[in-house]
């Protein structure tokens, strides 16, 4: 993965971006938008400050707002859409993996 986790930000708001087709979305190279969640990634801290500012300005211009209580800013790792994202790359969220590992082993062909 080309993005190192100098900064990730997860912003959650009340108005899903998908319900606002008139909204100009920020550059997709700095963020990923899924329903009412936005993840912003950057290589360096200064770059991350700029990227967060760009996204927040775009949201403000579209009259969309984020919940500070539901947001995580300036972190080096984050859980997003069932994945754990870190500077080294992306891996499956461990809580999802544990559910699969604890799945009962079928005892007969009928149980498969």
N, C-alpha and C. Protein backbone atom coordinates (compact mmCIF):
# COMPACT_ATOMS: atom_id res chain seq x y z
N UNK A 1 0.85 -1.17 0.00
CA UNK A 1 0.00 0.00 0.00
C UNK A 1 0.89 1.23 0.00
N UNK A 2 0.59 2.21 -0.80
CA UNK A 2 1.42 3.38 -0.94
C UNK A 2 1.21 4.44 0.12
N UNK A 3 0.25 4.30 0.97
CA UNK A 3 -0.05 5.33 1.96
C UNK A 3 0.43 4.87 3.33
N UNK A 4 1.32 5.64 3.92
CA UNK A 4 1.82 5.31 5.25
C UNK A 4 0.98 6.08 6.27
N UNK A 5 0.77 5.48 7.40
CA UNK A 5 -0.17 6.04 8.37
C UNK A 5 0.45 7.13 9.21
N UNK A 6 0.79 8.24 8.62
CA UNK A 6 1.14 9.39 9.43
C UNK A 6 -0.15 10.02 9.91
N UNK A 7 -1.20 9.74 9.21
CA UNK A 7 -2.47 10.26 9.66
C UNK A 7 -3.61 9.58 8.98
N UNK A 8 -4.58 9.19 9.77
CA UNK A 8 -5.86 8.74 9.28
C UNK A 8 -6.89 9.55 10.04
N UNK A 9 -7.98 9.80 9.40
CA UNK A 9 -9.08 10.46 10.08
C UNK A 9 -10.35 9.77 9.64
N UNK A 10 -11.19 9.44 10.57
CA UNK A 10 -12.50 8.89 10.25
C UNK A 10 -13.53 9.90 10.71
N UNK A 11 -14.30 10.40 9.76
CA UNK A 11 -15.32 11.39 10.07
C UNK A 11 -16.68 10.77 9.84
N UNK A 12 -17.56 10.92 10.76
CA UNK A 12 -18.91 10.39 10.63
C UNK A 12 -19.89 11.52 10.84
N UNK A 13 -20.83 11.63 9.94
CA UNK A 13 -21.80 12.71 10.03
C UNK A 13 -23.22 12.19 9.97
N UNK A 14 -24.17 13.12 10.02
CA UNK A 14 -25.57 12.77 10.00
C UNK A 14 -26.13 12.65 8.59
N UNK A 15 -25.49 13.26 7.62
CA UNK A 15 -26.00 13.29 6.25
C UNK A 15 -25.09 12.48 5.33
N UNK A 16 -25.57 11.34 4.86
CA UNK A 16 -24.73 10.55 3.97
C UNK A 16 -24.38 11.33 2.71
N UNK A 17 -23.13 11.25 2.28
CA UNK A 17 -22.69 11.92 1.06
C UNK A 17 -23.47 11.42 -0.14
N UNK A 18 -23.90 10.16 -0.12
CA UNK A 18 -24.61 9.60 -1.26
C UNK A 18 -25.96 10.27 -1.45
N UNK A 19 -26.49 10.92 -0.44
CA UNK A 19 -27.77 11.61 -0.56
C UNK A 19 -27.60 13.04 -1.04
N UNK A 20 -26.38 13.43 -1.35
CA UNK A 20 -26.10 14.79 -1.79
C UNK A 20 -25.34 14.75 -3.12
N UNK A 21 -26.03 14.42 -4.22
CA UNK A 21 -25.33 14.29 -5.50
C UNK A 21 -24.74 15.61 -5.99
N UNK A 22 -25.22 16.73 -5.48
CA UNK A 22 -24.70 18.03 -5.90
C UNK A 22 -23.37 18.35 -5.24
N UNK A 23 -23.00 17.56 -4.25
CA UNK A 23 -21.77 17.81 -3.50
C UNK A 23 -20.57 17.47 -4.36
N UNK A 24 -19.63 18.40 -4.45
CA UNK A 24 -18.37 18.09 -5.10
C UNK A 24 -17.52 17.36 -4.06
N UNK A 25 -17.16 16.16 -4.38
CA UNK A 25 -16.39 15.37 -3.43
C UNK A 25 -14.91 15.74 -3.52
N UNK A 26 -14.22 15.67 -2.38
CA UNK A 26 -12.78 15.94 -2.39
C UNK A 26 -12.05 14.92 -3.25
N UNK A 27 -10.82 15.20 -3.57
CA UNK A 27 -9.97 14.33 -4.35
C UNK A 27 -9.96 12.92 -3.75
N UNK A 28 -10.34 11.94 -4.52
CA UNK A 28 -10.43 10.57 -4.02
C UNK A 28 -9.07 10.00 -3.62
N UNK A 29 -7.99 10.63 -4.02
CA UNK A 29 -6.67 10.14 -3.66
C UNK A 29 -6.35 10.41 -2.19
N UNK A 30 -7.07 11.30 -1.55
CA UNK A 30 -6.80 11.62 -0.15
C UNK A 30 -7.85 11.06 0.78
N UNK A 31 -8.96 10.54 0.23
CA UNK A 31 -10.01 10.04 1.12
C UNK A 31 -10.84 8.98 0.42
N UNK A 32 -11.58 8.25 1.23
CA UNK A 32 -12.54 7.27 0.74
C UNK A 32 -13.86 7.57 1.44
N UNK A 33 -14.92 7.66 0.68
CA UNK A 33 -16.23 7.98 1.23
C UNK A 33 -17.13 6.76 1.06
N UNK A 34 -17.76 6.35 2.15
CA UNK A 34 -18.73 5.26 2.11
C UNK A 34 -19.90 5.66 2.99
N UNK A 35 -21.06 5.87 2.35
CA UNK A 35 -22.27 6.33 3.02
C UNK A 35 -21.95 7.58 3.84
N UNK A 36 -22.06 7.50 5.16
CA UNK A 36 -21.78 8.70 5.97
C UNK A 36 -20.44 8.61 6.69
N UNK A 37 -19.53 7.82 6.14
CA UNK A 37 -18.19 7.70 6.70
C UNK A 37 -17.16 8.17 5.68
N UNK A 38 -16.17 8.88 6.15
CA UNK A 38 -15.07 9.35 5.31
C UNK A 38 -13.78 8.96 6.02
N UNK A 39 -12.87 8.36 5.27
CA UNK A 39 -11.54 8.10 5.81
C UNK A 39 -10.56 8.90 4.97
N UNK A 40 -9.69 9.61 5.65
CA UNK A 40 -8.69 10.47 5.01
C UNK A 40 -7.32 9.89 5.35
N UNK A 41 -6.47 9.71 4.35
CA UNK A 41 -5.14 9.19 4.63
C UNK A 41 -4.08 10.10 4.04
N UNK A 42 -2.90 10.05 4.63
CA UNK A 42 -1.80 10.92 4.23
C UNK A 42 -0.48 10.26 4.59
N UNK A 43 0.58 10.72 3.95
CA UNK A 43 1.92 10.18 4.22
C UNK A 43 2.64 10.91 5.35
N UNK A 44 2.41 12.21 5.46
CA UNK A 44 3.11 13.03 6.44
C UNK A 44 2.11 13.86 7.24
N UNK A 45 2.50 14.30 8.42
CA UNK A 45 1.61 15.05 9.29
C UNK A 45 1.12 16.34 8.64
N UNK A 46 2.03 17.11 8.05
CA UNK A 46 1.62 18.37 7.41
C UNK A 46 0.65 18.12 6.27
N UNK A 47 0.93 17.08 5.49
CA UNK A 47 0.03 16.71 4.39
C UNK A 47 -1.34 16.33 4.95
N UNK A 48 -1.34 15.64 6.09
CA UNK A 48 -2.61 15.21 6.69
C UNK A 48 -3.42 16.41 7.16
N UNK A 49 -2.76 17.38 7.75
CA UNK A 49 -3.47 18.60 8.16
C UNK A 49 -4.15 19.24 6.96
N UNK A 50 -3.44 19.32 5.84
CA UNK A 50 -4.01 19.91 4.63
C UNK A 50 -5.17 19.08 4.10
N UNK A 51 -5.02 17.74 4.10
CA UNK A 51 -6.07 16.87 3.59
C UNK A 51 -7.33 16.95 4.44
N UNK A 52 -7.17 16.95 5.76
CA UNK A 52 -8.34 17.09 6.65
C UNK A 52 -9.02 18.42 6.41
N UNK A 53 -8.24 19.48 6.26
CA UNK A 53 -8.80 20.80 6.01
C UNK A 53 -9.58 20.81 4.70
N UNK A 54 -9.03 20.22 3.64
CA UNK A 54 -9.73 20.17 2.35
C UNK A 54 -11.07 19.46 2.46
N UNK A 55 -11.08 18.34 3.14
CA UNK A 55 -12.32 17.56 3.28
C UNK A 55 -13.34 18.33 4.12
N UNK A 56 -12.90 18.89 5.24
CA UNK A 56 -13.83 19.64 6.09
C UNK A 56 -14.39 20.87 5.37
N UNK A 57 -13.56 21.54 4.58
CA UNK A 57 -14.04 22.69 3.81
C UNK A 57 -15.06 22.27 2.76
N UNK A 58 -14.83 21.13 2.11
CA UNK A 58 -15.79 20.62 1.12
C UNK A 58 -17.12 20.27 1.79
N UNK A 59 -17.06 19.67 2.97
CA UNK A 59 -18.28 19.33 3.70
C UNK A 59 -19.03 20.60 4.11
N UNK A 60 -18.29 21.58 4.61
CA UNK A 60 -18.91 22.84 5.04
C UNK A 60 -19.57 23.54 3.86
N UNK A 61 -18.92 23.55 2.73
CA UNK A 61 -19.46 24.19 1.53
C UNK A 61 -20.78 23.53 1.10
N UNK A 62 -20.89 22.23 1.33
CA UNK A 62 -22.10 21.48 0.98
C UNK A 62 -23.11 21.45 2.12
N UNK A 63 -22.84 22.17 3.21
CA UNK A 63 -23.71 22.21 4.39
C UNK A 63 -23.87 20.83 5.02
N UNK A 64 -22.78 20.07 5.05
CA UNK A 64 -22.74 18.77 5.71
C UNK A 64 -21.86 18.90 6.94
N UNK A 65 -22.18 18.11 7.96
CA UNK A 65 -21.49 18.27 9.24
C UNK A 65 -21.03 16.92 9.76
N UNK A 66 -20.00 16.94 10.57
CA UNK A 66 -19.46 15.75 11.20
C UNK A 66 -19.76 15.77 12.69
N UNK A 67 -19.89 14.59 13.24
CA UNK A 67 -20.06 14.45 14.67
C UNK A 67 -18.69 14.29 15.30
N UNK A 68 -18.29 15.23 16.14
CA UNK A 68 -16.99 15.14 16.81
C UNK A 68 -16.93 13.89 17.68
N UNK A 69 -18.05 13.54 18.30
CA UNK A 69 -18.11 12.36 19.17
C UNK A 69 -17.84 11.07 18.39
N UNK A 70 -18.24 11.03 17.12
CA UNK A 70 -18.08 9.83 16.31
C UNK A 70 -16.83 9.86 15.43
N UNK A 71 -16.07 10.93 15.51
CA UNK A 71 -14.91 11.11 14.63
C UNK A 71 -13.60 10.79 15.35
N UNK A 72 -12.64 10.30 14.59
CA UNK A 72 -11.29 10.05 15.08
C UNK A 72 -10.35 10.80 14.17
N UNK A 73 -9.54 11.67 14.73
CA UNK A 73 -8.64 12.48 13.93
C UNK A 73 -7.18 12.22 14.31
N UNK A 74 -6.30 12.31 13.34
CA UNK A 74 -4.84 12.24 13.53
C UNK A 74 -4.42 10.99 14.30
N UNK A 75 -4.79 9.85 13.77
CA UNK A 75 -4.40 8.57 14.35
C UNK A 75 -3.56 7.81 13.34
N UNK A 76 -2.75 6.88 13.79
CA UNK A 76 -1.91 6.12 12.87
C UNK A 76 -2.52 4.77 12.50
N UNK A 77 -3.63 4.41 13.11
CA UNK A 77 -4.35 3.20 12.72
C UNK A 77 -5.82 3.35 13.06
N UNK A 78 -6.65 2.65 12.26
CA UNK A 78 -8.10 2.83 12.42
C UNK A 78 -8.83 1.61 11.87
N UNK A 79 -9.99 1.31 12.42
CA UNK A 79 -10.87 0.27 11.88
C UNK A 79 -11.88 0.94 10.96
N UNK A 80 -12.03 0.38 9.76
CA UNK A 80 -12.93 0.96 8.76
C UNK A 80 -13.47 -0.14 7.87
N UNK A 81 -14.79 -0.27 7.85
CA UNK A 81 -15.48 -1.23 6.98
C UNK A 81 -14.93 -2.65 7.11
N UNK A 82 -14.73 -3.10 8.34
CA UNK A 82 -14.28 -4.46 8.58
C UNK A 82 -12.79 -4.69 8.39
N UNK A 83 -12.03 -3.62 8.19
CA UNK A 83 -10.59 -3.72 8.01
C UNK A 83 -9.87 -2.90 9.08
N UNK A 84 -8.67 -3.33 9.40
CA UNK A 84 -7.81 -2.58 10.32
C UNK A 84 -6.71 -1.96 9.45
N UNK A 85 -6.70 -0.63 9.35
CA UNK A 85 -5.77 0.08 8.47
C UNK A 85 -4.65 0.67 9.31
N UNK A 86 -3.40 0.35 8.94
CA UNK A 86 -2.23 0.88 9.63
C UNK A 86 -1.21 1.36 8.59
N UNK A 87 -0.14 1.93 9.07
CA UNK A 87 0.91 2.41 8.18
C UNK A 87 1.54 1.31 7.35
N UNK A 88 1.55 0.10 7.86
CA UNK A 88 2.15 -1.03 7.15
C UNK A 88 1.23 -1.62 6.10
N UNK A 89 -0.05 -1.26 6.14
CA UNK A 89 -1.00 -1.79 5.18
C UNK A 89 -2.36 -2.04 5.81
N UNK A 90 -3.11 -2.92 5.19
CA UNK A 90 -4.47 -3.22 5.62
C UNK A 90 -4.56 -4.70 5.97
N UNK A 91 -5.23 -5.00 7.07
CA UNK A 91 -5.49 -6.39 7.41
C UNK A 91 -6.93 -6.51 7.89
N UNK A 92 -7.40 -7.73 7.94
CA UNK A 92 -8.78 -7.96 8.39
C UNK A 92 -8.93 -7.56 9.85
N UNK A 93 -10.08 -7.05 10.19
CA UNK A 93 -10.39 -6.71 11.57
C UNK A 93 -10.38 -8.00 12.39
N UNK A 94 -9.59 -8.03 13.45
CA UNK A 94 -9.39 -9.24 14.24
C UNK A 94 -10.69 -9.80 14.80
N UNK A 95 -11.65 -8.96 15.15
CA UNK A 95 -12.92 -9.46 15.69
C UNK A 95 -13.68 -10.27 14.64
N UNK A 96 -13.52 -9.92 13.37
CA UNK A 96 -14.17 -10.67 12.29
C UNK A 96 -13.48 -12.01 12.09
N UNK A 97 -12.15 -12.02 12.20
CA UNK A 97 -11.37 -13.24 12.02
C UNK A 97 -11.69 -14.24 13.13
N UNK A 98 -11.82 -13.77 14.36
CA UNK A 98 -12.10 -14.65 15.50
C UNK A 98 -13.43 -15.38 15.30
N UNK A 99 -14.44 -14.69 14.78
CA UNK A 99 -15.74 -15.33 14.52
C UNK A 99 -15.59 -16.50 13.56
N UNK A 100 -14.76 -16.33 12.54
CA UNK A 100 -14.55 -17.39 11.55
C UNK A 100 -13.75 -18.54 12.17
N UNK A 101 -12.72 -18.21 12.94
CA UNK A 101 -11.89 -19.25 13.57
C UNK A 101 -12.68 -20.07 14.58
N UNK A 102 -13.66 -19.47 15.23
CA UNK A 102 -14.46 -20.16 16.23
C UNK A 102 -15.68 -20.87 15.66
N UNK A 103 -15.82 -20.85 14.34
CA UNK A 103 -16.95 -21.51 13.70
C UNK A 103 -16.86 -23.01 13.98
N UNK A 104 -17.96 -23.65 14.37
CA UNK A 104 -17.89 -25.09 14.69
C UNK A 104 -17.53 -25.93 13.45
N UNK A 105 -16.72 -26.96 13.68
CA UNK A 105 -16.32 -27.86 12.61
C UNK A 105 -17.48 -28.83 12.36
N UNK A 106 -17.90 -28.97 11.11
CA UNK A 106 -18.99 -29.92 10.82
C UNK A 106 -18.57 -31.34 11.12
N UNK A 107 -19.49 -32.12 11.68
CA UNK A 107 -19.18 -33.49 12.07
C UNK A 107 -19.65 -34.51 11.03
N UNK A 108 -20.44 -34.04 10.07
CA UNK A 108 -20.91 -34.94 9.01
C UNK A 108 -21.17 -34.11 7.76
N UNK A 109 -21.37 -34.82 6.64
CA UNK A 109 -21.64 -34.12 5.37
C UNK A 109 -22.95 -33.33 5.46
N UNK A 110 -23.88 -33.81 6.26
CA UNK A 110 -25.16 -33.14 6.44
C UNK A 110 -24.98 -31.76 7.08
N UNK A 111 -23.97 -31.59 7.94
CA UNK A 111 -23.72 -30.34 8.64
C UNK A 111 -22.95 -29.32 7.80
N UNK A 112 -22.49 -29.74 6.62
CA UNK A 112 -21.69 -28.82 5.78
C UNK A 112 -22.57 -27.84 5.08
